C-alpha atoms as a PDB file:
ATOM      1  CA  MET A   1     -17.893 -32.033 -41.882  1.00  0.00           C
ATOM      2  CA  ASP A   2     -21.533 -31.200 -41.262  1.00  0.00           C
ATOM      3  CA  MET A   3     -22.980 -27.694 -41.285  1.00  0.00           C
ATOM      4  CA  LYS A   4     -23.280 -27.638 -37.485  1.00  0.00           C
ATOM      5  CA  SER A   5     -19.545 -28.259 -37.082  1.00  0.00           C
ATOM      6  CA  ILE A   6     -18.694 -25.610 -39.702  1.00  0.00           C
ATOM      7  CA  ILE A   7     -20.827 -23.032 -37.906  1.00  0.00           C
ATOM      8  CA  LYS A   8     -19.162 -23.960 -34.614  1.00  0.00           C
ATOM      9  CA  LEU A   9     -15.677 -23.512 -36.102  1.00  0.00           C
ATOM     10  CA  LEU A  10     -16.627 -20.203 -37.712  1.00  0.00           C
ATOM     11  CA  THR A  11     -18.021 -18.990 -34.405  1.00  0.00           C
ATOM     12  CA  ILE A  12     -14.778 -19.876 -32.634  1.00  0.00           C
ATOM     13  CA  PHE A  13     -12.778 -18.162 -35.403  1.00  0.00           C
ATOM     14  CA  PHE A  14     -14.707 -14.906 -35.258  1.00  0.00           C
ATOM     15  CA  VAL A  15     -14.728 -14.840 -31.461  1.00  0.00           C
ATOM     16  CA  SER A  16     -10.966 -15.351 -31.476  1.00  0.00           C
ATOM     17  CA  LEU A  17     -10.513 -12.726 -34.177  1.00  0.00           C
ATOM     18  CA  SER A  18     -12.665 -10.286 -32.223  1.00  0.00           C
ATOM     19  CA  ALA A  19     -10.585 -10.901 -29.099  1.00  0.00           C
ATOM     20  CA  LEU A  20      -7.397 -10.308 -31.087  1.00  0.00           C
ATOM     21  CA  PHE A  21      -8.665  -6.976 -32.390  1.00  0.00           C
ATOM     22  CA  THR A  22      -9.796  -6.013 -28.897  1.00  0.00           C
ATOM     23  CA  LEU A  23      -6.352  -6.752 -27.448  1.00  0.00           C
ATOM     24  CA  THR A  24      -4.661  -4.853 -30.261  1.00  0.00           C
ATOM     25  CA  ALA A  25      -6.926  -1.849 -29.799  1.00  0.00           C
ATOM     26  CA  THR A  26      -6.294  -1.907 -26.066  1.00  0.00           C
ATOM     27  CA  ALA A  27      -2.544  -2.041 -26.620  1.00  0.00           C
ATOM     28  CA  LYS A  28      -2.706   0.938 -28.941  1.00  0.00           C
ATOM     29  CA  ALA A  29      -4.853   2.832 -26.455  1.00  0.00           C
ATOM     30  CA  GLU A  30      -2.196   2.750 -23.729  1.00  0.00           C
ATOM     31  CA  GLY A  31       1.198   4.270 -23.244  1.00  0.00           C
ATOM     32  CA  GLU A  32       0.460   7.792 -24.461  1.00  0.00           C
ATOM     33  CA  LYS A  33       3.230  10.243 -23.666  1.00  0.00           C
ATOM     34  CA  LEU A  34       2.204  13.739 -22.555  1.00  0.00           C
ATOM     35  CA  VAL A  35       4.187  16.764 -21.477  1.00  0.00           C
ATOM     36  CA  PHE A  36       3.106  19.189 -18.753  1.00  0.00           C
ATOM     37  CA  ILE A  37       4.920  22.548 -18.870  1.00  0.00           C
ATOM     38  CA  TYR A  38       4.500  25.175 -16.179  1.00  0.00           C
ATOM     39  CA  HIS A  39       5.903  28.649 -15.714  1.00  0.00           C
ATOM     40  CA  SER A  40       7.284  28.791 -12.175  1.00  0.00           C
ATOM     41  CA  GLY A  41      10.877  28.275 -11.100  1.00  0.00           C
ATOM     42  CA  ASP A  42      12.192  25.286  -9.192  1.00  0.00           C
ATOM     43  CA  GLU A  43      11.715  27.003  -5.831  1.00  0.00           C
ATOM     44  CA  ASP A  44       7.913  27.039  -6.110  1.00  0.00           C
ATOM     45  CA  PHE A  45       6.775  23.958  -4.161  1.00  0.00           C
ATOM     46  CA  TRP A  46       3.094  24.665  -4.914  1.00  0.00           C
ATOM     47  CA  TRP A  47       3.481  22.557  -8.054  1.00  0.00           C
ATOM     48  CA  ASN A  48       4.217  19.426  -6.037  1.00  0.00           C
ATOM     49  CA  THR A  49       0.456  18.942  -5.686  1.00  0.00           C
ATOM     50  CA  ILE A  50       0.030  19.138  -9.461  1.00  0.00           C
ATOM     51  CA  LYS A  51       2.800  16.567  -9.855  1.00  0.00           C
ATOM     52  CA  ASN A  52       1.004  14.229  -7.442  1.00  0.00           C
ATOM     53  CA  THR A  53      -2.194  14.445  -9.461  1.00  0.00           C
ATOM     54  CA  LEU A  54      -0.290  13.722 -12.675  1.00  0.00           C
ATOM     55  CA  LYS A  55       1.250  10.629 -11.083  1.00  0.00           C
ATOM     56  CA  GLN A  56      -2.257   9.515 -10.174  1.00  0.00           C
ATOM     57  CA  ALA A  57      -3.329   9.948 -13.807  1.00  0.00           C
ATOM     58  CA  GLU A  58      -0.284   8.000 -15.000  1.00  0.00           C
ATOM     59  CA  LYS A  59      -1.142   5.125 -12.673  1.00  0.00           C
ATOM     60  CA  GLU A  60      -4.824   4.977 -13.548  1.00  0.00           C
ATOM     61  CA  MET A  61      -4.594   5.516 -17.302  1.00  0.00           C
ATOM     62  CA  GLY A  62      -1.336   3.814 -18.246  1.00  0.00           C
ATOM     63  CA  ILE A  63       0.262   7.011 -19.580  1.00  0.00           C
ATOM     64  CA  THR A  64       3.513   8.898 -19.080  1.00  0.00           C
ATOM     65  CA  VAL A  65       3.585  12.610 -18.254  1.00  0.00           C
ATOM     66  CA  ASP A  66       6.889  14.465 -18.413  1.00  0.00           C
ATOM     67  CA  VAL A  67       6.882  17.611 -16.266  1.00  0.00           C
ATOM     68  CA  ARG A  68       9.053  20.519 -17.381  1.00  0.00           C
ATOM     69  CA  ASN A  69       9.531  24.120 -16.286  1.00  0.00           C
ATOM     70  CA  PRO A  70      12.054  26.957 -16.608  1.00  0.00           C
ATOM     71  CA  PRO A  71      14.333  26.571 -13.531  1.00  0.00           C
ATOM     72  CA  THR A  72      14.348  30.311 -12.823  1.00  0.00           C
ATOM     73  CA  GLY A  73      10.818  31.010 -14.043  1.00  0.00           C
ATOM     74  CA  ASP A  74      12.096  32.884 -17.103  1.00  0.00           C
ATOM     75  CA  SER A  75       9.329  33.259 -19.714  1.00  0.00           C
ATOM     76  CA  ALA A  76      11.692  33.164 -22.694  1.00  0.00           C
ATOM     77  CA  ASP A  77      13.168  29.942 -21.344  1.00  0.00           C
ATOM     78  CA  MET A  78       9.666  28.501 -21.009  1.00  0.00           C
ATOM     79  CA  ALA A  79       8.880  29.438 -24.611  1.00  0.00           C
ATOM     80  CA  ARG A  80      11.936  27.471 -25.734  1.00  0.00           C
ATOM     81  CA  ILE A  81      10.779  24.481 -23.676  1.00  0.00           C
ATOM     82  CA  VAL A  82       7.370  24.642 -25.389  1.00  0.00           C
ATOM     83  CA  GLU A  83       9.034  24.766 -28.820  1.00  0.00           C
ATOM     84  CA  GLN A  84      11.275  21.808 -27.980  1.00  0.00           C
ATOM     85  CA  ALA A  85       8.324  19.782 -26.700  1.00  0.00           C
ATOM     86  CA  ALA A  86       6.301  20.565 -29.831  1.00  0.00           C
ATOM     87  CA  ALA A  87       9.113  19.102 -31.921  1.00  0.00           C
ATOM     88  CA  ALA A  88       9.452  15.991 -29.741  1.00  0.00           C
ATOM     89  CA  ASP A  89       7.447  12.765 -29.853  1.00  0.00           C
ATOM     90  CA  TYR A  90       4.750  13.745 -27.370  1.00  0.00           C
ATOM     91  CA  ASP A  91       1.127  12.837 -28.060  1.00  0.00           C
ATOM     92  CA  GLY A  92      -0.223  15.938 -26.322  1.00  0.00           C
ATOM     93  CA  MET A  93       0.787  19.037 -24.394  1.00  0.00           C
ATOM     94  CA  ILE A  94      -0.612  20.606 -21.228  1.00  0.00           C
ATOM     95  CA  VAL A  95       0.794  24.073 -20.637  1.00  0.00           C
ATOM     96  CA  THR A  96       0.277  27.122 -18.443  1.00  0.00           C
ATOM     97  CA  ILE A  97       0.022  30.655 -19.822  1.00  0.00           C
ATOM     98  CA  GLY A  98       2.303  32.371 -17.345  1.00  0.00           C
ATOM     99  CA  ASP A  99       3.144  35.169 -19.802  1.00  0.00           C
ATOM    100  CA  TYR A 100       0.797  35.366 -22.761  1.00  0.00           C
ATOM    101  CA  ASP A 101       2.935  37.706 -24.869  1.00  0.00           C
ATOM    102  CA  ALA A 102       6.076  35.621 -24.358  1.00  0.00           C
ATOM    103  CA  LEU A 103       4.371  32.259 -24.954  1.00  0.00           C
ATOM    104  CA  LYS A 104       1.786  33.002 -27.639  1.00  0.00           C
ATOM    105  CA  ALA A 105       4.003  32.189 -30.626  1.00  0.00           C
ATOM    106  CA  ALA A 106       5.377  28.999 -29.071  1.00  0.00           C
ATOM    107  CA  ILE A 107       2.010  27.585 -27.987  1.00  0.00           C
ATOM    108  CA  THR A 108       0.338  28.571 -31.261  1.00  0.00           C
ATOM    109  CA  GLY A 109       3.212  26.866 -33.079  1.00  0.00           C
ATOM    110  CA  ALA A 110       2.618  23.668 -31.130  1.00  0.00           C
ATOM    111  CA  VAL A 111      -1.076  23.728 -32.079  1.00  0.00           C
ATOM    112  CA  ASP A 112      -0.240  24.449 -35.718  1.00  0.00           C
ATOM    113  CA  SER A 113       2.125  21.476 -35.776  1.00  0.00           C
ATOM    114  CA  GLY A 114      -0.859  19.231 -35.055  1.00  0.00           C
ATOM    115  CA  MET A 115      -0.244  18.645 -31.363  1.00  0.00           C
ATOM    116  CA  PRO A 116      -3.362  18.754 -29.172  1.00  0.00           C
ATOM    117  CA  VAL A 117      -2.936  21.360 -26.429  1.00  0.00           C
ATOM    118  CA  ILE A 118      -4.819  22.038 -23.203  1.00  0.00           C
ATOM    119  CA  THR A 119      -3.948  25.173 -21.247  1.00  0.00           C
ATOM    120  CA  VAL A 120      -4.230  25.192 -17.463  1.00  0.00           C
ATOM    121  CA  ASN A 121      -3.748  27.296 -14.359  1.00  0.00           C
ATOM    122  CA  SER A 122      -2.684  30.785 -15.445  1.00  0.00           C
ATOM    123  CA  GLY A 123      -3.965  32.782 -18.383  1.00  0.00           C
ATOM    124  CA  THR A 124      -7.516  33.314 -19.546  1.00  0.00           C
ATOM    125  CA  GLN A 125     -10.019  31.385 -21.570  1.00  0.00           C
ATOM    126  CA  GLU A 126      -9.828  34.041 -24.285  1.00  0.00           C
ATOM    127  CA  GLN A 127      -6.047  33.713 -24.485  1.00  0.00           C
ATOM    128  CA  SER A 128      -6.341  29.939 -24.690  1.00  0.00           C
ATOM    129  CA  GLU A 129      -8.813  30.197 -27.561  1.00  0.00           C
ATOM    130  CA  SER A 130      -6.649  32.697 -29.437  1.00  0.00           C
ATOM    131  CA  MET A 131      -3.807  30.160 -29.533  1.00  0.00           C
ATOM    132  CA  GLY A 132      -6.046  27.332 -30.719  1.00  0.00           C
ATOM    133  CA  ALA A 133      -5.963  25.222 -27.553  1.00  0.00           C
ATOM    134  CA  MET A 134      -8.715  22.671 -26.981  1.00  0.00           C
ATOM    135  CA  LEU A 135      -9.826  24.203 -23.675  1.00  0.00           C
ATOM    136  CA  HIS A 136      -8.595  25.958 -20.561  1.00  0.00           C
ATOM    137  CA  ILE A 137      -8.801  24.582 -17.015  1.00  0.00           C
ATOM    138  CA  GLY A 138      -8.105  27.132 -14.322  1.00  0.00           C
ATOM    139  CA  GLN A 139      -9.234  29.826 -11.992  1.00  0.00           C
ATOM    140  CA  PRO A 140     -10.126  33.242 -13.443  1.00  0.00           C
ATOM    141  CA  GLU A 141      -7.561  35.092 -11.367  1.00  0.00           C
ATOM    142  CA  PHE A 142      -8.935  38.640 -11.518  1.00  0.00           C
ATOM    143  CA  GLU A 143     -12.410  37.378 -10.637  1.00  0.00           C
ATOM    144  CA  ALA A 144     -11.044  35.306  -7.754  1.00  0.00           C
ATOM    145  CA  GLY A 145      -9.326  38.381  -6.365  1.00  0.00           C
ATOM    146  CA  ARG A 146     -12.432  40.486  -6.923  1.00  0.00           C
ATOM    147  CA  GLN A 147     -14.633  38.068  -4.998  1.00  0.00           C
ATOM    148  CA  ALA A 148     -12.115  38.136  -2.158  1.00  0.00           C
ATOM    149  CA  GLY A 149     -12.171  41.925  -2.203  1.00  0.00           C
ATOM    150  CA  VAL A 150     -15.954  41.993  -2.037  1.00  0.00           C
ATOM    151  CA  MET A 151     -15.812  39.667   0.973  1.00  0.00           C
ATOM    152  CA  ALA A 152     -13.175  41.815   2.663  1.00  0.00           C
ATOM    153  CA  LYS A 153     -15.152  44.991   1.991  1.00  0.00           C
ATOM    154  CA  ALA A 154     -18.191  43.430   3.634  1.00  0.00           C
ATOM    155  CA  ASP A 155     -15.947  42.758   6.649  1.00  0.00           C
ATOM    156  CA  GLY A 156     -15.051  46.431   6.825  1.00  0.00           C
ATOM    157  CA  VAL A 157     -11.725  46.481   4.951  1.00  0.00           C
ATOM    158  CA  THR A 158     -11.028  49.682   3.005  1.00  0.00           C
ATOM    159  CA  ASP A 159      -7.326  49.360   2.057  1.00  0.00           C
ATOM    160  CA  PHE A 160      -4.613  46.702   1.768  1.00  0.00           C
ATOM    161  CA  VAL A 161      -1.112  45.683   0.756  1.00  0.00           C
ATOM    162  CA  CYS A 162      -0.486  42.791  -1.628  1.00  0.00           C
ATOM    163  CA  PHE A 163       2.770  40.887  -1.026  1.00  0.00           C
ATOM    164  CA  ASN A 164       3.791  39.403  -4.386  1.00  0.00           C
ATOM    165  CA  HIS A 165       6.391  36.631  -4.324  1.00  0.00           C
ATOM    166  CA  GLN A 166       6.740  36.479  -8.120  1.00  0.00           C
ATOM    167  CA  MET A 167       6.617  39.916  -9.708  1.00  0.00           C
ATOM    168  CA  GLY A 168       6.141  39.748 -13.459  1.00  0.00           C
ATOM    169  CA  ASN A 169       3.805  36.762 -13.157  1.00  0.00           C
ATOM    170  CA  ILE A 170       0.722  38.361 -14.685  1.00  0.00           C
ATOM    171  CA  PRO A 171      -1.880  36.043 -13.083  1.00  0.00           C
ATOM    172  CA  LEU A 172      -0.544  36.995  -9.647  1.00  0.00           C
ATOM    173  CA  THR A 173      -0.850  40.665 -10.532  1.00  0.00           C
ATOM    174  CA  ASP A 174      -4.421  39.952 -11.641  1.00  0.00           C
ATOM    175  CA  ARG A 175      -5.181  38.580  -8.179  1.00  0.00           C
ATOM    176  CA  CYS A 176      -3.961  41.795  -6.553  1.00  0.00           C
ATOM    177  CA  ALA A 177      -5.810  43.982  -9.065  1.00  0.00           C
ATOM    178  CA  GLY A 178      -9.000  41.985  -8.597  1.00  0.00           C
ATOM    179  CA  TYR A 179      -8.798  42.389  -4.821  1.00  0.00           C
ATOM    180  CA  ALA A 180      -8.483  46.152  -5.259  1.00  0.00           C
ATOM    181  CA  ALA A 181     -11.473  46.168  -7.617  1.00  0.00           C
ATOM    182  CA  GLY A 182     -13.545  44.244  -5.084  1.00  0.00           C
ATOM    183  CA  LEU A 183     -12.705  46.874  -2.474  1.00  0.00           C
ATOM    184  CA  GLY A 184     -13.600  49.608  -4.956  1.00  0.00           C
ATOM    185  CA  ILE A 185     -10.106  51.141  -5.109  1.00  0.00           C
ATOM    186  CA  GLU A 186      -7.162  51.229  -7.531  1.00  0.00           C
ATOM    187  CA  LEU A 187      -4.242  48.842  -7.163  1.00  0.00           C
ATOM    188  CA  GLY A 188      -1.745  51.680  -7.546  1.00  0.00           C
ATOM    189  CA  ASP A 189       1.402  51.062  -5.481  1.00  0.00           C
ATOM    190  CA  ARG A 190      -0.262  48.591  -3.123  1.00  0.00           C
ATOM    191  CA  MET A 191       1.622  45.603  -4.602  1.00  0.00           C
ATOM    192  CA  VAL A 192       4.997  44.976  -2.929  1.00  0.00           C
ATOM    193  CA  ASP A 193       7.730  42.722  -4.315  1.00  0.00           C
ATOM    194  CA  ILE A 194       8.928  40.302  -1.623  1.00  0.00           C
ATOM    195  CA  GLY A 195      10.842  37.891  -3.882  1.00  0.00           C
ATOM    196  CA  GLY A 196      10.779  34.103  -4.070  1.00  0.00           C
ATOM    197  CA  ASP A 197      13.416  33.282  -1.448  1.00  0.00           C
ATOM    198  CA  PRO A 198      11.566  32.518   1.820  1.00  0.00           C
ATOM    199  CA  VAL A 199      14.109  34.192   4.102  1.00  0.00           C
ATOM    200  CA  GLU A 200      14.298  37.324   1.966  1.00  0.00           C
ATOM    201  CA  ALA A 201      10.515  37.360   1.631  1.00  0.00           C
ATOM    202  CA  LYS A 202      10.073  37.249   5.404  1.00  0.00           C
ATOM    203  CA  ASN A 203      12.580  40.061   5.854  1.00  0.00           C
ATOM    204  CA  ARG A 204      10.851  42.251   3.274  1.00  0.00           C
ATOM    205  CA  VAL A 205       7.413  41.671   4.796  1.00  0.00           C
ATOM    206  CA  PHE A 206       8.838  42.362   8.244  1.00  0.00           C
ATOM    207  CA  ALA A 207      10.424  45.621   7.050  1.00  0.00           C
ATOM    208  CA  TYR A 208       7.240  46.771   5.313  1.00  0.00           C
ATOM    209  CA  LEU A 209       4.974  46.083   8.283  1.00  0.00           C
ATOM    210  CA  LYS A 210       7.485  47.611  10.669  1.00  0.00           C
ATOM    211  CA  ALA A 211       7.334  50.812   8.618  1.00  0.00           C
ATOM    212  CA  HIS A 212       3.537  50.559   8.114  1.00  0.00           C
ATOM    213  CA  PRO A 213       2.125  49.142  11.383  1.00  0.00           C
ATOM    214  CA  ASP A 214      -1.353  50.501  10.590  1.00  0.00           C
ATOM    215  CA  THR A 215      -1.724  48.350   7.465  1.00  0.00           C
ATOM    216  CA  PRO A 216      -5.431  47.384   7.547  1.00  0.00           C
ATOM    217  CA  SER A 217      -5.323  44.299   5.327  1.00  0.00           C
ATOM    218  CA  ILE A 218      -2.820  41.893   3.772  1.00  0.00           C
ATOM    219  CA  LEU A 219      -3.214  39.734   0.686  1.00  0.00           C
ATOM    220  CA  THR A 220      -0.679  37.055  -0.183  1.00  0.00           C
ATOM    221  CA  LEU A 221      -0.764  35.000  -3.343  1.00  0.00           C
ATOM    222  CA  GLY A 222       0.330  31.544  -2.268  1.00  0.00           C
ATOM    223  CA  PRO A 223       2.417  29.703   0.360  1.00  0.00           C
ATOM    224  CA  ASN A 224       5.637  31.198  -1.040  1.00  0.00           C
ATOM    225  CA  GLY A 225       4.418  34.537   0.230  1.00  0.00           C
ATOM    226  CA  GLY A 226       1.984  33.303   2.854  1.00  0.00           C
ATOM    227  CA  ASN A 227       4.394  31.338   5.034  1.00  0.00           C
ATOM    228  CA  PRO A 228       6.990  34.160   5.275  1.00  0.00           C
ATOM    229  CA  THR A 229       4.187  36.646   6.017  1.00  0.00           C
ATOM    230  CA  LEU A 230       2.942  34.503   8.893  1.00  0.00           C
ATOM    231  CA  GLN A 231       6.475  34.390  10.304  1.00  0.00           C
ATOM    232  CA  ALA A 232       6.831  38.169  10.053  1.00  0.00           C
ATOM    233  CA  LEU A 233       3.464  38.746  11.731  1.00  0.00           C
ATOM    234  CA  GLU A 234       4.443  36.477  14.619  1.00  0.00           C
ATOM    235  CA  GLU A 235       7.795  38.194  15.094  1.00  0.00           C
ATOM    236  CA  LEU A 236       6.162  41.619  15.067  1.00  0.00           C
ATOM    237  CA  GLY A 237       3.413  40.559  17.447  1.00  0.00           C
ATOM    238  CA  LEU A 238       0.778  41.443  14.853  1.00  0.00           C
ATOM    239  CA  ALA A 239      -0.635  37.968  14.204  1.00  0.00           C
ATOM    240  CA  GLY A 240      -4.406  38.241  14.438  1.00  0.00           C
ATOM    241  CA  ASP A 241      -4.369  42.040  14.526  1.00  0.00           C
ATOM    242  CA  ILE A 242      -4.405  42.582  10.743  1.00  0.00           C
ATOM    243  CA  TYR A 243      -7.136  41.329   8.428  1.00  0.00           C
ATOM    244  CA  TYR A 244      -5.251  38.716   6.393  1.00  0.00           C
ATOM    245  CA  GLY A 245      -6.411  36.726   3.360  1.00  0.00           C
ATOM    246  CA  SER A 246      -4.449  34.590   0.941  1.00  0.00           C
ATOM    247  CA  PHE A 247      -4.484  32.182  -1.951  1.00  0.00           C
ATOM    248  CA  GLU A 248      -3.681  28.456  -1.650  1.00  0.00           C
ATOM    249  CA  LEU A 249      -2.812  26.371   1.419  1.00  0.00           C
ATOM    250  CA  SER A 250       0.156  25.053   3.364  1.00  0.00           C
ATOM    251  CA  ASP A 251       0.468  23.384   6.767  1.00  0.00           C
ATOM    252  CA  GLU A 252       1.326  26.747   8.311  1.00  0.00           C
ATOM    253  CA  MET A 253      -1.604  28.461   6.640  1.00  0.00           C
ATOM    254  CA  ILE A 254      -4.008  25.768   7.840  1.00  0.00           C
ATOM    255  CA  VAL A 255      -2.879  26.411  11.412  1.00  0.00           C
ATOM    256  CA  ALA A 256      -3.386  30.144  10.818  1.00  0.00           C
ATOM    257  CA  LEU A 257      -6.899  29.552   9.506  1.00  0.00           C
ATOM    258  CA  LYS A 258      -7.806  27.519  12.560  1.00  0.00           C
ATOM    259  CA  SER A 259      -6.432  30.142  14.938  1.00  0.00           C
ATOM    260  CA  GLY A 260      -8.080  33.086  13.175  1.00  0.00           C
ATOM    261  CA  VAL A 261      -4.807  34.734  12.101  1.00  0.00           C
ATOM    262  CA  LEU A 262      -5.792  34.024   8.486  1.00  0.00           C
ATOM    263  CA  GLN A 263      -9.422  34.911   7.704  1.00  0.00           C
ATOM    264  CA  TRP A 264      -9.712  32.905   4.485  1.00  0.00           C
ATOM    265  CA  SER A 265      -7.689  31.369   1.681  1.00  0.00           C
ATOM    266  CA  ILE A 266      -8.723  30.824  -1.920  1.00  0.00           C
ATOM    267  CA  ASP A 267      -8.504  27.270  -3.238  1.00  0.00           C
ATOM    268  CA  GLN A 268      -8.187  26.989  -7.013  1.00  0.00           C
ATOM    269  CA  GLN A 269      -8.468  23.181  -6.779  1.00  0.00           C
ATOM    270  CA  GLN A 270      -5.306  22.337  -8.694  1.00  0.00           C
ATOM    271  CA  PHE A 271      -6.309  18.669  -8.737  1.00  0.00           C
ATOM    272  CA  PHE A 272      -8.417  19.519 -11.782  1.00  0.00           C
ATOM    273  CA  GLN A 273      -5.518  21.322 -13.458  1.00  0.00           C
ATOM    274  CA  GLY A 274      -3.295  18.249 -13.318  1.00  0.00           C
ATOM    275  CA  TYR A 275      -5.325  15.068 -13.160  1.00  0.00           C
ATOM    276  CA  LEU A 276      -8.328  16.260 -15.135  1.00  0.00           C
ATOM    277  CA  ALA A 277      -6.204  17.830 -17.861  1.00  0.00           C
ATOM    278  CA  ALA A 278      -4.232  14.609 -18.306  1.00  0.00           C
ATOM    279  CA  ASN A 279      -7.428  12.553 -18.264  1.00  0.00           C
ATOM    280  CA  LEU A 280      -9.197  14.699 -20.852  1.00  0.00           C
ATOM    281  CA  MET A 281      -6.123  14.849 -23.073  1.00  0.00           C
ATOM    282  CA  THR A 282      -5.709  11.073 -22.997  1.00  0.00           C
ATOM    283  CA  ASN A 283      -9.363  10.446 -23.838  1.00  0.00           C
ATOM    284  CA  HIS A 284      -9.114  12.938 -26.690  1.00  0.00           C
ATOM    285  CA  ILE A 285      -6.111  11.090 -28.115  1.00  0.00           C
ATOM    286  CA  ARG A 286      -7.665   7.658 -27.664  1.00  0.00           C
ATOM    287  CA  TYR A 287     -11.259   8.289 -28.628  1.00  0.00           C
ATOM    288  CA  GLY A 288     -11.397  11.702 -30.297  1.00  0.00           C
ATOM    289  CA  VAL A 289     -13.669  13.180 -27.625  1.00  0.00           C
ATOM    290  CA  THR A 290     -13.301  16.814 -26.580  1.00  0.00           C
ATOM    291  CA  VAL A 291     -15.003  18.769 -23.796  1.00  0.00           C
ATOM    292  CA  PRO A 292     -16.770  21.605 -25.668  1.00  0.00           C
ATOM    293  CA  HIS A 293     -16.244  24.274 -23.015  1.00  0.00           C
ATOM    294  CA  HIS A 294     -13.682  25.648 -20.581  1.00  0.00           C
ATOM    295  CA  ILE A 295     -13.559  24.538 -16.956  1.00  0.00           C
ATOM    296  CA  ASN A 296     -13.322  26.942 -14.004  1.00  0.00           C
ATOM    297  CA  SER A 297     -11.523  25.083 -11.227  1.00  0.00           C
ATOM    298  CA  GLY A 298     -12.012  27.948  -8.731  1.00  0.00           C
ATOM    299  CA  PRO A 299     -12.322  30.081  -6.759  1.00  0.00           C
ATOM    300  CA  GLY A 300     -13.328  28.212  -3.672  1.00  0.00           C
ATOM    301  CA  PHE A 301     -12.884  29.785  -0.236  1.00  0.00           C
ATOM    302  CA  THR A 302     -11.472  27.833   2.704  1.00  0.00           C
ATOM    303  CA  THR A 303     -12.154  29.237   6.149  1.00  0.00           C
ATOM    304  CA  LYS A 304     -11.970  28.178   9.783  1.00  0.00           C
ATOM    305  CA  ASP A 305     -15.425  26.662   9.367  1.00  0.00           C
ATOM    306  CA  ASN A 306     -14.680  24.358   6.422  1.00  0.00           C
ATOM    307  CA  ILE A 307     -10.932  23.717   6.534  1.00  0.00           C
ATOM    308  CA  GLY A 308     -11.544  20.252   7.965  1.00  0.00           C
ATOM    309  CA  LEU A 309     -12.932  19.129   4.604  1.00  0.00           C
ATOM    310  CA  VAL A 310      -9.610  19.623   2.819  1.00  0.00           C
ATOM    311  CA  GLU A 311      -7.007  19.625   5.596  1.00  0.00           C
ATOM    312  CA  SER A 312      -6.023  15.980   5.225  1.00  0.00           C
ATOM    313  CA  LEU A 313      -5.395  16.433   1.500  1.00  0.00           C
ATOM    314  CA  ALA A 314      -3.650  19.814   1.565  1.00  0.00           C
ATOM    315  CA  GLY A 315      -0.240  19.616  -0.058  1.00  0.00           C
ATOM    316  CA  THR A 316      -0.963  16.284  -1.703  1.00  0.00           C
ATOM    317  CA  PHE A 317      -4.141  16.583  -3.801  1.00  0.00           C
ATOM    318  CA  ARG A 318      -5.520  19.972  -2.621  1.00  0.00           C
END
C-alpha cells in the first residue's frame, strides 16, 4: 500500500473516530433531570405559566423537569420535599425561597451535597447567596411594591388596603410593605387576610369594602386575590370608583385594565423564572458555565396603554 492510500485510510479513521466522540458527547449532554420546587399550594394556578415555560425548556433542550410543591403550601412540608430531592438522582435543583427561615437548612444542605441550585421567584439575592446557590432569578418584591406606591402617590393616593390571599408568604407581605413605603406610610394593619379559596376571598373583600366604603386604594397580590376583588367591586357597584392596582395578570384582570377598573398590574415576567432557570442550569451542567450575577425579572408595569403587548400570552408564557 502506497503512502497516499495510508494517509487516506488514516484520514477516514480519524474522521470516523471524531464523529464517534461527537455523538457520544452529544448523548451525554442530553437527558438531564432537574427538579423545580415551589412554595405555593395546589390551588394557586399562577404557577401554570411557570410549568408551561418548563415544558418549553424540556422540548428545546432534551431535559426532564419534575415539578413539586407542598399541596397546602406548608413551609415545613416544602423543606422535606427539598431534602428528598437533594437525596434523589437529580442533576440540578431550581427552588423558590417562600420562607427563608424554614427552608435555609434544607436548601443549604442540597448545595452542600454537591447539587447545583438556582433560586427563583420569592426570596432575595442576599438570601440566595447565603445558602450557596448559583444565582437568583426573580423580582425584588419590596422594591416592586415601593415603585407601585410611588406611582400611586403621584396619582394622589394617600392610603390603601392590601388584600393578601396567602398570609405567611413573606414575599407577598414584602409587596404590601413596599407599597406602604412608596406612599410614605407604615403598613400597620392595612394588610387583610382574604384566604386562598376564591369564594371565601370574594366574601371577605366584599365584607371589608362594605364596612369601609371610603377605602381610597386597593392592592392585590396576584389573580388569586385580584379576581375575587374584581367580583366584589362589581357586586358593590364600586368598580372604577376605587384606585386599584395589582400584581400579575389573568383574563379578568386584563379586561379590568382595558376598562380602567384596574389602573396597573405588575408583571414579574415569570417566563424567566422557569425557562431561563432551566436553560441556565442545563448549560451549567453540560458545559460548566455560570452566569456571574443575579437576574431581576421585574418589576414591569402593564397598563391600559401597553396591555396589548402581552395580552395574547397572558396565562401561558406571561
